[in-house]
Amino acid sequence: MPVFTVGRVCVKKDGREKGLKCVIVDEMDENYVLVTGPKNVSGVRRRRVNIDHLTPTDKTVRIRRGASDQDVASALSRSNLVQFVSGAPETTKSEDGNGTEITKK
C-alpha cells in the first residue's frame, strides 16, 4: 500500500514551510504530489511537492482527489485534526560539538 496517497497528513521537511503539516490532495506522478494546508489552517499553501521533502504521519482524512481547500478544511474538522495540523511546527533536536542539544526549526 503506498504511503503518499490522497488524504494523508504529512510534515514538510524542507523549504520555508519546513515543519508545517499539510494534506495530500492529488498524486502528480511517482515523485510529486499536490499538497495544501490549507493556508488558513496550517500556513501551507497549495503547491506541488517532491515526496522526498515530506514525512508521512499516521493520520488521514477522507477527501476526493483534487479537493478544494474548503473541502480539506471541513474534512479536517470532521476528523478532529484541525488542532493537530495547525499546531506548532515539528522540530528536530541535534547535538553540537560540545554535547549540548540544539533545537532546530
Protein backbone atom coordinates (compact mmCIF):
# COMPACT_ATOMS: atom_id res chain seq x y z
CA MET A 1 0.00 0.00 0.00
CA PRO A 2 1.53 3.35 -1.00
CA VAL A 3 2.27 5.79 1.81
CA PHE A 4 1.71 9.01 -0.15
CA THR A 5 -1.99 8.71 -1.02
CA VAL A 6 -4.75 11.31 -1.26
CA GLY A 7 -5.84 12.36 2.22
CA ARG A 8 -2.58 11.54 4.02
CA VAL A 9 -1.40 14.19 6.52
CA CYS A 10 2.34 14.88 6.15
CA VAL A 11 5.04 17.13 7.62
CA LYS A 12 7.16 19.22 5.24
CA LYS A 13 10.89 18.53 5.72
CA ASP A 14 12.41 21.32 3.59
CA GLY A 15 11.82 24.88 2.44
CA ARG A 16 10.21 27.89 4.04
CA GLU A 17 7.30 25.74 5.28
CA LYS A 18 9.62 23.24 6.99
CA GLY A 19 7.94 21.58 9.97
CA LEU A 20 4.40 22.56 8.95
CA LYS A 21 1.74 19.93 8.36
CA CYS A 22 -0.18 19.51 5.10
CA VAL A 23 -2.63 17.15 3.39
CA ILE A 24 -2.03 15.37 0.07
CA VAL A 25 -4.72 16.41 -2.40
CA ASP A 26 -3.52 14.72 -5.61
CA GLU A 27 -0.77 12.41 -6.88
CA MET A 28 1.01 14.03 -9.86
CA ASP A 29 3.42 11.18 -10.68
CA GLU A 30 5.72 8.82 -8.78
CA ASN A 31 7.84 11.72 -7.43
CA TYR A 32 5.42 14.63 -6.91
CA VAL A 33 2.16 15.22 -5.04
CA LEU A 34 -0.13 18.24 -4.70
CA VAL A 35 -0.49 19.38 -1.08
CA THR A 36 -2.40 22.03 0.83
CA GLY A 37 -2.55 23.08 4.47
CA PRO A 38 -4.94 24.77 3.75
CA LYS A 39 -3.13 28.09 4.23
CA ASN A 40 -5.70 29.45 6.70
CA VAL A 41 -5.38 26.29 8.84
CA SER A 42 -1.67 25.37 8.86
CA GLY A 43 0.03 28.03 6.75
CA VAL A 44 0.90 25.72 3.85
CA ARG A 45 -0.36 26.98 0.51
CA ARG A 46 -1.45 24.63 -2.28
CA ARG A 47 1.61 23.54 -4.26
CA ARG A 48 3.40 20.67 -5.94
CA VAL A 49 5.94 18.98 -3.64
CA ASN A 50 8.58 16.30 -4.16
CA ILE A 51 7.75 13.30 -1.93
CA ASP A 52 11.38 13.31 -0.71
CA HIS A 53 10.51 16.59 1.07
CA LEU A 54 7.59 15.08 3.03
CA THR A 55 7.35 12.87 6.09
CA PRO A 56 4.03 10.99 6.28
CA THR A 57 2.13 10.79 9.57
CA ASP A 58 -0.26 8.04 10.63
CA LYS A 59 -3.23 10.42 10.19
CA THR A 60 -5.52 10.52 7.15
CA VAL A 61 -8.68 12.36 6.14
CA ARG A 62 -11.35 11.27 3.68
CA ILE A 63 -11.25 13.65 0.71
CA ARG A 64 -11.72 13.23 -3.00
CA ARG A 65 -8.82 13.64 -5.41
CA GLY A 66 -8.33 17.34 -6.25
CA ALA A 67 -10.45 18.55 -3.32
CA SER A 68 -10.64 22.31 -2.74
CA ASP A 69 -9.04 23.99 0.28
CA GLN A 70 -12.52 24.44 1.74
CA ASP A 71 -13.26 20.70 1.34
CA VAL A 72 -9.94 19.81 3.03
CA ALA A 73 -10.62 22.21 5.92
CA SER A 74 -14.07 20.71 6.50
CA ALA A 75 -12.64 17.15 6.30
CA LEU A 76 -10.01 18.08 8.91
CA SER A 77 -12.77 19.48 11.10
CA ARG A 78 -14.87 16.30 10.73
CA SER A 79 -11.83 14.17 11.65
CA ASN A 80 -10.95 16.37 14.66
CA LEU A 81 -7.49 17.04 13.18
CA VAL A 82 -7.60 20.84 12.87
CA GLN A 83 -5.59 21.35 16.05
CA PHE A 84 -3.08 18.64 15.03
CA VAL A 85 -2.50 20.22 11.61
CA SER A 86 -2.45 23.81 12.83
CA GLY A 87 -0.17 23.08 15.79
CA ALA A 88 3.39 24.30 16.26
CA PRO A 89 5.94 23.26 13.62
CA GLU A 90 7.70 19.96 14.19
CA THR A 91 11.27 20.46 15.41
CA THR A 92 14.26 18.17 15.43
CA LYS A 93 16.99 18.07 18.04
CA SER A 94 20.66 17.57 17.32
CA GLU A 95 23.85 17.90 19.29
CA ASP A 96 26.52 20.47 18.55
CA GLY A 97 30.21 19.76 19.05
CA ASN A 98 30.03 20.49 22.79
CA GLY A 99 27.40 17.85 23.54
CA THR A 100 24.67 20.47 24.00
CA GLU A 101 21.27 19.84 22.41
CA ILE A 102 20.11 22.46 19.92
CA THR A 103 16.51 22.71 18.78
CA LYS A 104 16.32 23.32 15.03
CA LYS A 105 13.27 24.78 13.34
